[in-house]
Amino acid sequence: MKKGIVFFIFNILILTVSAQEIALVKYKGGGDWYANPTALRNLISFCNDHINTKIKSKPQEVEVGSIDLFQYPFVHLTGHGNVYFSDSETENLRNYLISGGFLHIDDNYGLQPYITKELKKVFPDKDLVELPSSHEIFNNAFKFPNGLPKIHEHEGKRPQAFGIFYEDRLVVLFTYESDLGDGWEDAEVHNDPADVREKALKMGANIVKYAFEH
């Protein structure tokens, strides 16, 4: 059996075995990958309580170029500033995604111009396409008939969810002008009303459920 085929199967096996952990992506370029430090912990707790997941309570951290990326069926990337993927990181991320992984990118305002450029390195032949409100990700555990919810208001722009598909599977979700991660944080961080935080957490649970089931 060729080395590439062995590596591909090995990646799939790891993703299957480690289906109950998620991680925050660490990236280079100077952007604050560590933004919203309480967000994933709260999202995990909500998912375990409401959609019957058994995710380990402490989210992990993983570098884009690490083989450890393949341990997680769902990874989350956020921040406000610059993002940069080296050639080896680009290849690693692509292999992860086509092997069954899922990347959720939440623009914490300011990330969009940088991450879209880096995603073009990962999938040069693919574009981010806006997801319609009828997409499964808005209609699985919780219903969002209008699509991605608005959590924080900055410039009055409508929230949008964009995706990259590989062989008809959504492998990258980019949530823009929504700020889901802020809504996942501890209540006292942003003083969001309870209903706003709940809306953010429900949308996050839909994303996790989709990633775990596809």
Protein backbone atom coordinates (compact mmCIF):
# COMPACT_ATOMS: atom_id res chain seq x y z
CA MET A 1 0.00 0.00 0.00
CA LYS A 2 1.34 3.40 -0.92
CA LYS A 3 2.47 5.75 1.84
CA GLY A 4 -0.08 8.44 0.87
CA ILE A 5 -2.97 5.97 1.14
CA VAL A 6 -1.75 4.73 4.52
CA PHE A 7 -1.52 8.34 5.76
CA PHE A 8 -5.05 9.08 4.52
CA ILE A 9 -6.56 6.03 6.24
CA PHE A 10 -4.57 6.77 9.40
CA ASN A 11 -6.05 10.27 9.52
CA ILE A 12 -9.60 8.94 9.17
CA LEU A 13 -9.04 6.48 12.01
CA ILE A 14 -7.76 9.20 14.32
CA LEU A 15 -10.73 11.43 13.55
CA THR A 16 -13.10 8.56 14.34
CA VAL A 17 -11.45 7.56 17.61
CA SER A 18 -11.18 11.09 19.02
CA ALA A 19 -14.71 12.24 18.25
CA GLN A 20 -15.28 13.75 21.70
CA GLU A 21 -12.66 16.49 21.81
CA ILE A 22 -12.56 19.87 20.10
CA ALA A 23 -9.76 22.40 19.81
CA LEU A 24 -8.89 26.04 19.29
CA VAL A 25 -6.55 26.69 16.37
CA LYS A 26 -3.29 28.53 17.01
CA TYR A 27 -1.99 30.39 13.96
CA LYS A 28 0.87 32.69 13.02
CA GLY A 29 0.76 36.20 11.62
CA GLY A 30 0.23 38.22 14.78
CA GLY A 31 -3.54 37.88 15.11
CA ASP A 32 -5.08 37.12 18.49
CA TRP A 33 -5.94 33.43 18.06
CA TYR A 34 -6.58 33.32 21.82
CA ALA A 35 -9.52 35.76 21.72
CA ASN A 36 -12.68 34.76 23.64
CA PRO A 37 -10.91 32.47 26.15
CA THR A 38 -14.10 31.21 27.84
CA ALA A 39 -16.09 30.66 24.63
CA LEU A 40 -15.33 27.04 23.72
CA ARG A 41 -15.59 25.84 27.31
CA ASN A 42 -19.12 27.24 27.55
CA LEU A 43 -20.07 25.89 24.13
CA ILE A 44 -18.90 22.42 25.15
CA SER A 45 -20.97 22.58 28.34
CA PHE A 46 -24.04 23.68 26.39
CA CYS A 47 -23.62 20.91 23.81
CA ASN A 48 -23.18 18.23 26.47
CA ASP A 49 -26.32 19.46 28.26
CA HIS A 50 -28.56 19.97 25.21
CA ILE A 51 -27.54 17.81 22.25
CA ASN A 52 -26.25 14.69 24.01
CA THR A 53 -22.58 15.09 23.17
CA LYS A 54 -19.89 13.85 25.54
CA ILE A 55 -17.13 16.29 24.69
CA LYS A 56 -14.28 16.65 27.15
CA SER A 57 -14.93 19.79 29.17
CA LYS A 58 -11.55 21.40 28.50
CA PRO A 59 -10.98 22.48 24.89
CA GLN A 60 -7.50 21.83 23.54
CA GLU A 61 -5.20 24.11 21.55
CA VAL A 62 -3.64 22.93 18.30
CA GLU A 63 -1.28 24.50 15.78
CA VAL A 64 -2.26 24.55 12.12
CA GLY A 65 0.81 22.58 11.08
CA SER A 66 0.68 19.94 13.82
CA ILE A 67 -0.18 16.29 13.23
CA ASP A 68 -2.29 16.64 16.38
CA LEU A 69 -4.85 18.53 14.27
CA PHE A 70 -6.11 15.13 13.09
CA GLN A 71 -7.22 14.23 16.61
CA TYR A 72 -10.20 16.59 16.43
CA PRO A 73 -13.32 16.34 14.27
CA PHE A 74 -14.07 20.01 14.98
CA VAL A 75 -11.61 22.89 15.32
CA HIS A 76 -12.40 26.57 15.88
CA LEU A 77 -10.43 29.59 14.71
CA THR A 78 -11.10 33.18 15.73
CA GLY A 79 -9.46 36.56 16.25
CA HIS A 80 -9.34 40.14 15.02
CA GLY A 81 -6.11 40.43 13.04
CA ASN A 82 -3.63 38.88 10.68
CA VAL A 83 -3.53 35.16 9.88
CA TYR A 84 -0.72 33.42 8.03
CA PHE A 85 -0.34 29.78 6.96
CA SER A 86 3.04 28.53 5.76
CA ASP A 87 3.23 26.04 2.90
CA SER A 88 3.50 23.09 5.30
CA GLU A 89 0.63 24.41 7.43
CA THR A 90 -1.49 24.89 4.32
CA GLU A 91 -0.86 21.30 3.23
CA ASN A 92 -1.58 19.97 6.72
CA LEU A 93 -4.85 21.87 7.00
CA ARG A 94 -5.98 20.74 3.57
CA ASN A 95 -5.20 17.09 4.39
CA TYR A 96 -7.11 17.44 7.65
CA LEU A 97 -10.19 18.86 5.95
CA ILE A 98 -10.33 16.38 3.07
CA SER A 99 -9.81 13.53 5.55
CA GLY A 100 -13.00 14.34 7.46
CA GLY A 101 -12.12 17.34 9.62
CA PHE A 102 -14.19 20.49 10.04
CA LEU A 103 -12.98 24.07 10.55
CA HIS A 104 -15.25 26.77 11.98
CA ILE A 105 -13.88 30.30 11.58
CA ASP A 106 -15.64 33.01 13.58
CA ASP A 107 -14.71 36.53 12.56
CA ASN A 108 -14.31 38.51 15.77
CA TYR A 109 -14.25 41.60 13.51
CA GLY A 110 -11.13 42.30 11.47
CA LEU A 111 -10.27 38.72 10.51
CA GLN A 112 -12.04 38.52 7.15
CA PRO A 113 -9.46 39.96 4.71
CA TYR A 114 -6.67 37.80 6.12
CA ILE A 115 -8.43 34.47 6.49
CA THR A 116 -10.02 34.59 3.04
CA LYS A 117 -6.56 35.04 1.51
CA GLU A 118 -5.15 32.09 3.47
CA LEU A 119 -8.09 29.85 2.62
CA LYS A 120 -7.31 30.42 -1.06
CA LYS A 121 -3.94 28.80 -0.38
CA VAL A 122 -5.69 25.78 1.14
CA PHE A 123 -8.25 25.42 -1.67
CA PRO A 124 -7.05 27.46 -4.68
CA ASP A 125 -9.87 26.17 -6.86
CA LYS A 126 -12.69 26.87 -4.41
CA ASP A 127 -14.46 29.99 -3.19
CA LEU A 128 -16.36 30.76 -0.02
CA VAL A 129 -20.05 30.59 -0.91
CA GLU A 130 -22.87 31.97 1.18
CA LEU A 131 -25.05 29.31 2.80
CA PRO A 132 -28.81 29.67 2.39
CA SER A 133 -31.03 29.64 5.48
CA SER A 134 -32.34 26.26 4.28
CA HIS A 135 -28.94 24.61 4.86
CA GLU A 136 -28.91 21.78 7.38
CA ILE A 137 -26.56 23.65 9.71
CA PHE A 138 -29.38 26.09 10.51
CA ASN A 139 -31.98 23.37 10.89
CA ASN A 140 -30.67 20.45 12.91
CA ALA A 141 -30.77 20.68 16.74
CA PHE A 142 -32.22 24.20 16.76
CA LYS A 143 -34.09 26.08 14.05
CA PHE A 144 -32.78 29.35 12.61
CA PRO A 145 -35.25 30.12 9.82
CA ASN A 146 -33.41 33.32 8.92
CA GLY A 147 -29.96 31.75 8.92
CA LEU A 148 -27.02 32.99 10.97
CA PRO A 149 -28.09 35.11 13.97
CA LYS A 150 -26.66 38.52 14.79
CA ILE A 151 -25.01 38.52 18.21
CA HIS A 152 -23.00 41.75 18.35
CA GLU A 153 -23.67 44.90 16.40
CA HIS A 154 -20.66 46.74 14.99
CA GLU A 155 -21.22 48.33 11.61
CA GLY A 156 -24.84 47.45 10.96
CA LYS A 157 -23.98 44.75 8.41
CA ARG A 158 -26.08 41.62 8.17
CA PRO A 159 -24.63 38.36 9.48
CA GLN A 160 -23.51 35.89 6.82
CA ALA A 161 -22.36 32.28 6.88
CA PHE A 162 -19.98 31.20 4.13
CA GLY A 163 -18.73 27.72 3.38
CA ILE A 164 -16.20 25.73 1.42
CA PHE A 165 -17.36 22.32 0.20
CA TYR A 166 -15.23 19.31 -0.63
CA GLU A 167 -17.01 16.48 -2.47
CA ASP A 168 -20.36 17.96 -1.39
CA ARG A 169 -19.37 18.04 2.30
CA LEU A 170 -19.12 21.37 4.11
CA VAL A 171 -15.55 21.40 5.45
CA VAL A 172 -15.08 25.09 6.32
CA LEU A 173 -17.69 27.36 7.87
CA PHE A 174 -16.90 31.07 8.08
CA THR A 175 -19.31 33.09 10.23
CA TYR A 176 -19.10 36.80 9.45
CA GLU A 177 -20.66 39.89 11.08
CA SER A 178 -22.23 37.74 13.78
CA ASP A 179 -19.62 37.33 16.54
CA LEU A 180 -20.87 33.98 17.85
CA GLY A 181 -17.78 33.55 20.03
CA ASP A 182 -18.56 36.66 22.05
CA GLY A 183 -21.99 35.22 22.72
CA TRP A 184 -20.43 31.98 23.97
CA GLU A 185 -18.25 33.76 26.53
CA ASP A 186 -19.03 34.05 30.24
CA ALA A 187 -22.04 36.31 30.79
CA GLU A 188 -20.07 39.03 32.58
CA VAL A 189 -17.53 39.43 29.77
CA HIS A 190 -19.87 41.27 27.39
CA ASN A 191 -23.01 41.61 29.53
CA ASP A 192 -25.14 40.17 26.76
CA PRO A 193 -28.80 39.45 27.62
CA ALA A 194 -29.54 35.81 28.40
CA ASP A 195 -31.59 35.36 25.23
CA VAL A 196 -28.73 36.62 23.06
CA ARG A 197 -26.24 34.25 24.67
CA GLU A 198 -28.69 31.38 24.30
CA LYS A 199 -29.13 32.17 20.61
CA ALA A 200 -25.35 32.14 20.10
CA LEU A 201 -24.93 28.87 21.99
CA LYS A 202 -27.76 27.20 20.08
CA MET A 203 -26.17 28.18 16.76
CA GLY A 204 -22.84 26.89 18.04
CA ALA A 205 -24.46 23.59 19.02
CA ASN A 206 -25.87 23.27 15.49
CA ILE A 207 -22.35 23.74 14.09
CA VAL A 208 -20.87 21.13 16.41
CA LYS A 209 -23.66 18.66 15.65
CA TYR A 210 -23.14 19.13 11.92
CA ALA A 211 -19.38 18.65 12.23
CA PHE A 212 -19.74 15.48 14.30
CA GLU A 213 -22.29 13.91 11.95
CA HIS A 214 -20.66 14.61 8.57
